[in-house]
Amino acid sequence: MIIRSARSDEAALIKELVYELAVFEKAPEKAQATLADFAEAFFSPHPAVFCDFVEDGGGMVQGFAIWFLNYSTWTGTHGIYLEDLYIRPTSRGKGYGKALLSHLAALCVERGYHRLQWWVLDWNAGAIAFYEGLGATLMEDWTVMRMEGQALNRLSGNIQ
């Protein structure tokens, strides 16, 4: 297998895999990003988000990791936040997910980052067991918060 960065002509492939992930997560209607959105985010002159693909021996993309830098005020260093990790269902159990996580862990170590962090759906017991088997720990004392839509507009003072 090969892990490589997405190329600028692969925005459609990123979109396709994001949609597959949204279907898996039972929320296909939420996958609303356009090709232009992906092209701008990943392939602008100074991107803030990155996509790495994992290919099988025949050069077919079997999954991806979408990630960006975060920052820890406690360690004073950046880390990697893994936004999405997705392996196509027919390719699971073949080491692709572990290879992508190992790749990101190596980037952290090489660059002096102290954390690789991500969310996992609480109903995805298989993924949780997989991650724990690699040494990841659940952050049970933290709760994810989100603000969007009307609430975001209200708080910004832009009442709509």
Protein backbone atom coordinates (compact mmCIF):
# COMPACT_ATOMS: atom_id res chain seq x y z
CA MET A 1 0.00 0.00 0.00
CA ILE A 2 1.00 3.61 -0.51
CA ILE A 3 0.04 6.71 1.47
CA ARG A 4 0.17 9.95 -0.45
CA SER A 5 -1.18 13.48 -0.37
CA ALA A 6 -4.23 14.25 -2.46
CA ARG A 7 -3.48 15.99 -5.75
CA SER A 8 -5.23 19.13 -6.98
CA ASP A 9 -7.15 17.16 -9.63
CA GLU A 10 -8.70 14.88 -6.98
CA ALA A 11 -11.31 17.15 -5.38
CA ALA A 12 -14.05 14.93 -6.87
CA LEU A 13 -12.50 11.86 -5.23
CA ILE A 14 -12.41 13.63 -1.87
CA LYS A 15 -16.08 14.59 -2.33
CA GLU A 16 -16.98 10.99 -3.23
CA LEU A 17 -15.28 9.55 -0.15
CA VAL A 18 -16.76 12.21 2.14
CA TYR A 19 -20.21 11.26 0.86
CA GLU A 20 -19.50 7.54 1.45
CA LEU A 21 -18.48 8.43 5.01
CA ALA A 22 -21.65 10.47 5.50
CA VAL A 23 -23.76 7.51 4.36
CA PHE A 24 -21.88 5.25 6.82
CA GLU A 25 -22.50 7.78 9.60
CA LYS A 26 -26.22 7.82 8.71
CA ALA A 27 -26.20 11.49 7.69
CA PRO A 28 -25.81 11.74 3.90
CA GLU A 29 -27.91 14.92 3.80
CA LYS A 30 -25.26 16.72 5.84
CA ALA A 31 -22.53 16.19 3.22
CA GLN A 32 -23.14 19.49 1.43
CA ALA A 33 -19.62 20.66 0.53
CA THR A 34 -19.11 21.30 -3.18
CA LEU A 35 -16.19 20.52 -5.44
CA ALA A 36 -15.28 24.21 -5.28
CA ASP A 37 -15.30 24.04 -1.46
CA PHE A 38 -12.92 21.10 -1.47
CA ALA A 39 -10.66 22.61 -4.13
CA GLU A 40 -10.37 25.85 -2.15
CA ALA A 41 -9.83 24.14 1.22
CA PHE A 42 -7.24 21.56 0.16
CA PHE A 43 -5.50 23.12 -2.82
CA SER A 44 -5.33 26.86 -2.20
CA PRO A 45 -1.85 28.44 -2.05
CA HIS A 46 -1.82 28.10 1.77
CA PRO A 47 -4.19 25.28 2.74
CA ALA A 48 -5.20 24.84 6.37
CA VAL A 49 -6.59 21.33 5.89
CA PHE A 50 -4.96 18.29 4.31
CA CYS A 51 -6.00 14.98 2.77
CA ASP A 52 -3.89 11.86 2.58
CA PHE A 53 -5.04 8.85 0.56
CA VAL A 54 -4.15 5.21 1.07
CA GLU A 55 -3.87 3.18 -2.14
CA ASP A 56 -3.82 -0.56 -2.57
CA GLY A 57 -1.07 -2.30 -4.54
CA GLY A 58 -2.95 -1.64 -7.77
CA GLY A 59 -3.05 2.12 -7.24
CA MET A 60 -6.74 2.26 -6.26
CA VAL A 61 -7.62 4.66 -3.42
CA GLN A 62 -9.14 2.67 -0.57
CA GLY A 63 -9.50 5.41 2.02
CA PHE A 64 -8.41 8.76 3.32
CA ALA A 65 -7.49 10.86 6.31
CA ILE A 66 -8.53 14.51 6.42
CA TRP A 67 -6.66 16.49 9.05
CA PHE A 68 -5.51 19.90 10.19
CA LEU A 69 -3.32 21.39 12.90
CA ASN A 70 -4.63 22.20 16.33
CA TYR A 71 -2.78 23.68 19.30
CA SER A 72 -2.37 22.74 22.94
CA THR A 73 -1.86 25.54 25.41
CA TRP A 74 -0.78 22.90 27.92
CA THR A 75 2.12 21.57 25.86
CA GLY A 76 2.73 24.74 23.85
CA THR A 77 2.83 22.73 20.64
CA HIS A 78 0.68 21.97 17.67
CA GLY A 79 -0.98 18.63 17.22
CA ILE A 80 -2.90 16.96 14.45
CA TYR A 81 -6.67 16.86 14.59
CA LEU A 82 -8.03 14.05 12.45
CA GLU A 83 -11.34 15.30 11.04
CA ASP A 84 -12.17 12.17 9.06
CA LEU A 85 -10.70 8.71 8.69
CA TYR A 86 -12.53 6.55 6.20
CA ILE A 87 -11.74 3.18 4.66
CA ARG A 88 -14.06 1.73 2.06
CA PRO A 89 -16.10 -1.15 3.55
CA THR A 90 -14.65 -3.79 1.21
CA SER A 91 -11.13 -2.81 2.30
CA ARG A 92 -11.56 -2.77 6.06
CA GLY A 93 -9.45 -5.14 8.11
CA LYS A 94 -6.53 -4.96 5.66
CA GLY A 95 -4.40 -2.48 7.61
CA TYR A 96 -5.28 0.69 5.68
CA GLY A 97 -6.72 2.54 8.67
CA LYS A 98 -3.78 1.63 10.87
CA ALA A 99 -1.38 2.72 8.13
CA LEU A 100 -3.04 6.15 7.87
CA LEU A 101 -2.98 6.59 11.66
CA SER A 102 0.67 5.48 11.79
CA HIS A 103 1.45 8.01 9.06
CA LEU A 104 -0.16 10.82 11.07
CA ALA A 105 1.55 9.68 14.26
CA ALA A 106 4.89 9.77 12.43
CA LEU A 107 4.16 13.32 11.26
CA CYS A 108 3.47 14.30 14.87
CA VAL A 109 6.71 12.79 16.14
CA GLU A 110 8.77 14.19 13.25
CA ARG A 111 7.40 17.71 13.75
CA GLY A 112 7.48 17.74 17.56
CA TYR A 113 3.70 17.68 17.97
CA HIS A 114 2.46 16.08 21.18
CA ARG A 115 -1.04 14.97 20.18
CA LEU A 116 -3.02 13.17 17.53
CA GLN A 117 -6.68 13.67 18.35
CA TRP A 118 -10.08 12.84 16.82
CA TRP A 119 -13.72 12.15 17.59
CA VAL A 120 -15.48 8.83 17.17
CA LEU A 121 -19.22 8.20 17.18
CA ASP A 122 -20.24 6.57 20.44
CA TRP A 123 -22.24 3.88 18.59
CA ASN A 124 -19.23 2.81 16.51
CA ALA A 125 -18.01 0.10 18.88
CA GLY A 126 -15.80 -1.49 16.23
CA ALA A 127 -13.89 1.74 15.64
CA ILE A 128 -13.58 2.42 19.37
CA ALA A 129 -12.12 -1.06 19.94
CA PHE A 130 -9.76 -0.59 16.99
CA TYR A 131 -8.52 2.77 18.30
CA GLU A 132 -8.12 1.49 21.85
CA GLY A 133 -6.16 -1.47 20.48
CA LEU A 134 -3.71 1.03 19.01
CA GLY A 135 -3.30 2.75 22.38
CA ALA A 136 -5.79 5.63 22.02
CA THR A 137 -7.85 6.59 25.05
CA LEU A 138 -11.41 7.82 25.30
CA MET A 139 -11.72 11.33 26.71
CA GLU A 140 -14.71 10.42 28.87
CA ASP A 141 -14.66 13.59 30.94
CA TRP A 142 -15.05 15.87 27.89
CA THR A 143 -18.23 16.70 26.01
CA VAL A 144 -18.22 17.99 22.45
CA MET A 145 -19.99 21.31 21.92
CA ARG A 146 -21.09 22.80 18.62
CA MET A 147 -22.71 26.03 17.53
CA GLU A 148 -24.08 26.52 14.04
CA GLY A 149 -26.93 28.02 12.05
CA GLN A 150 -29.22 30.48 13.83
CA ALA A 151 -27.44 30.11 17.17
CA LEU A 152 -24.12 31.03 15.55
CA ASN A 153 -25.67 34.03 13.82
CA ARG A 154 -27.34 35.20 17.04
CA LEU A 155 -24.14 34.99 19.06
CA SER A 156 -22.20 36.81 16.34
CA GLY A 157 -24.69 39.68 16.53
CA ASN A 158 -25.80 38.92 12.96
CA ILE A 159 -29.40 38.09 13.84
CA GLN A 160 -31.29 36.62 10.90
